[in-house]
């Protein structure tokens, strides 16, 4: 995952209501690089689930979630989805580790 230093970041969440849309939501992450003036698209994400927005604050010692009132406003099923976020993150780490191990095994087999 690249870390990109930017002047600004724009996150657009577009609800797609037209017939035949690939997914219900299209989320784009755009930025302006620090070194020159241009609008770059980093990612386009498609989902049938309403995106969850999480705000955190890092004080150098701890990272705390802010905007708890926003989470409280979510429906019970969206709160359940938000609570699974850490499980998904752990799963992704495991998947990445397995991919790395498979790659290493393939390289060892080819050598």
Protein backbone atom coordinates (compact mmCIF):
# COMPACT_ATOMS: atom_id res chain seq x y z
CA UNK A 1 0.00 0.00 0.00
CA UNK A 2 1.57 3.29 -1.03
CA UNK A 3 1.80 6.24 1.32
CA UNK A 4 1.24 9.44 -0.67
CA UNK A 5 2.06 12.94 0.60
CA UNK A 6 -0.64 15.31 -0.70
CA UNK A 7 -1.82 18.89 -0.56
CA UNK A 8 -5.41 17.75 -0.21
CA UNK A 9 -7.56 14.63 -0.44
CA UNK A 10 -11.10 14.32 -1.75
CA UNK A 11 -13.28 11.30 -1.00
CA UNK A 12 -16.43 11.19 -3.10
CA UNK A 13 -19.24 8.78 -2.27
CA UNK A 14 -21.64 8.55 -5.18
CA UNK A 15 -24.95 6.73 -4.83
CA UNK A 16 -25.76 5.12 -8.17
CA UNK A 17 -29.50 4.86 -8.74
CA UNK A 18 -29.58 4.30 -12.51
CA UNK A 19 -30.84 0.94 -13.81
CA UNK A 20 -28.03 -1.54 -14.47
CA UNK A 21 -25.46 0.14 -12.21
CA UNK A 22 -22.57 -2.18 -11.34
CA UNK A 23 -22.99 -1.44 -7.61
CA UNK A 24 -25.11 0.87 -5.47
CA UNK A 25 -22.15 3.04 -4.37
CA UNK A 26 -19.09 4.28 -6.24
CA UNK A 27 -16.39 5.69 -3.96
CA UNK A 28 -13.46 7.58 -5.43
CA UNK A 29 -10.33 8.79 -3.66
CA UNK A 30 -8.67 11.74 -5.36
CA UNK A 31 -5.71 13.88 -4.37
CA UNK A 32 -3.45 16.72 -5.44
CA UNK A 33 0.24 15.78 -5.13
CA UNK A 34 2.51 18.11 -3.17
CA UNK A 35 5.02 18.40 -6.01
CA UNK A 36 2.71 19.68 -8.80
CA UNK A 37 -0.84 20.88 -9.39
CA UNK A 38 -2.99 18.08 -10.79
CA UNK A 39 -5.94 16.02 -9.70
CA UNK A 40 -5.03 12.34 -9.42
CA UNK A 41 -7.44 9.46 -8.88
CA UNK A 42 -5.95 6.99 -6.40
CA UNK A 43 -8.79 4.46 -6.18
CA UNK A 44 -12.29 3.75 -7.35
CA UNK A 45 -14.23 1.36 -5.14
CA UNK A 46 -17.63 -0.19 -5.87
CA UNK A 47 -19.95 -1.56 -3.19
CA UNK A 48 -23.58 -2.45 -2.59
CA UNK A 49 -23.19 -1.45 1.06
CA UNK A 50 -23.27 2.14 2.27
CA UNK A 51 -19.68 3.18 3.04
CA UNK A 52 -18.73 3.58 6.68
CA UNK A 53 -16.71 6.65 7.51
CA UNK A 54 -14.31 6.39 10.45
CA UNK A 55 -12.49 9.38 11.94
CA UNK A 56 -9.61 8.84 14.33
CA UNK A 57 -7.12 11.08 16.14
CA UNK A 58 -3.44 10.12 16.69
CA UNK A 59 -1.74 12.04 19.51
CA UNK A 60 1.58 10.22 19.13
CA UNK A 61 0.82 7.73 21.90
CA UNK A 62 -2.66 6.45 21.14
CA UNK A 63 -5.17 6.46 18.31
CA UNK A 64 -8.72 7.18 19.40
CA UNK A 65 -11.90 7.19 17.42
CA UNK A 66 -13.70 10.50 17.18
CA UNK A 67 -17.23 11.05 16.07
CA UNK A 68 -18.79 8.36 18.29
CA UNK A 69 -22.09 10.21 17.92
CA UNK A 70 -21.99 9.38 14.21
CA UNK A 71 -21.66 5.66 14.99
CA UNK A 72 -24.54 5.93 17.48
CA UNK A 73 -26.70 7.28 14.65
CA UNK A 74 -26.11 4.15 12.56
CA UNK A 75 -28.75 1.46 12.36
CA UNK A 76 -28.04 -1.68 14.42
CA UNK A 77 -27.01 -3.66 11.35
CA UNK A 78 -24.57 -0.93 10.26
CA UNK A 79 -23.11 -0.85 13.79
CA UNK A 80 -22.59 -4.61 13.47
CA UNK A 81 -20.74 -4.05 10.20
CA UNK A 82 -18.59 -1.37 11.83
CA UNK A 83 -17.73 -3.72 14.69
CA UNK A 84 -16.46 -6.30 12.20
CA UNK A 85 -13.92 -3.85 10.79
CA UNK A 86 -11.06 -5.18 12.92
CA UNK A 87 -11.84 -8.79 11.96
CA UNK A 88 -11.68 -7.81 8.29
CA UNK A 89 -8.35 -6.06 8.84
CA UNK A 90 -6.93 -9.16 10.54
CA UNK A 91 -8.25 -11.37 7.74
CA UNK A 92 -6.54 -9.16 5.15
CA UNK A 93 -3.23 -9.47 7.01
CA UNK A 94 -3.61 -13.26 6.97
CA UNK A 95 -4.42 -13.23 3.24
CA UNK A 96 -1.39 -11.04 2.53
CA UNK A 97 0.83 -13.39 4.55
CA UNK A 98 -0.50 -16.43 2.66
CA UNK A 99 0.11 -14.69 -0.68
CA UNK A 100 3.68 -13.96 0.39
CA UNK A 101 4.25 -17.57 1.47
CA UNK A 102 2.82 -18.89 -1.82
CA UNK A 103 5.07 -16.54 -3.75
CA UNK A 104 8.11 -17.69 -1.76
CA UNK A 105 7.21 -21.36 -2.36
CA UNK A 106 6.82 -20.74 -6.10
CA UNK A 107 10.19 -18.97 -6.22
CA UNK A 108 11.85 -21.81 -4.29
CA UNK A 109 10.31 -24.37 -6.65
CA UNK A 110 11.50 -22.48 -9.74
CA UNK A 111 15.08 -22.17 -8.41
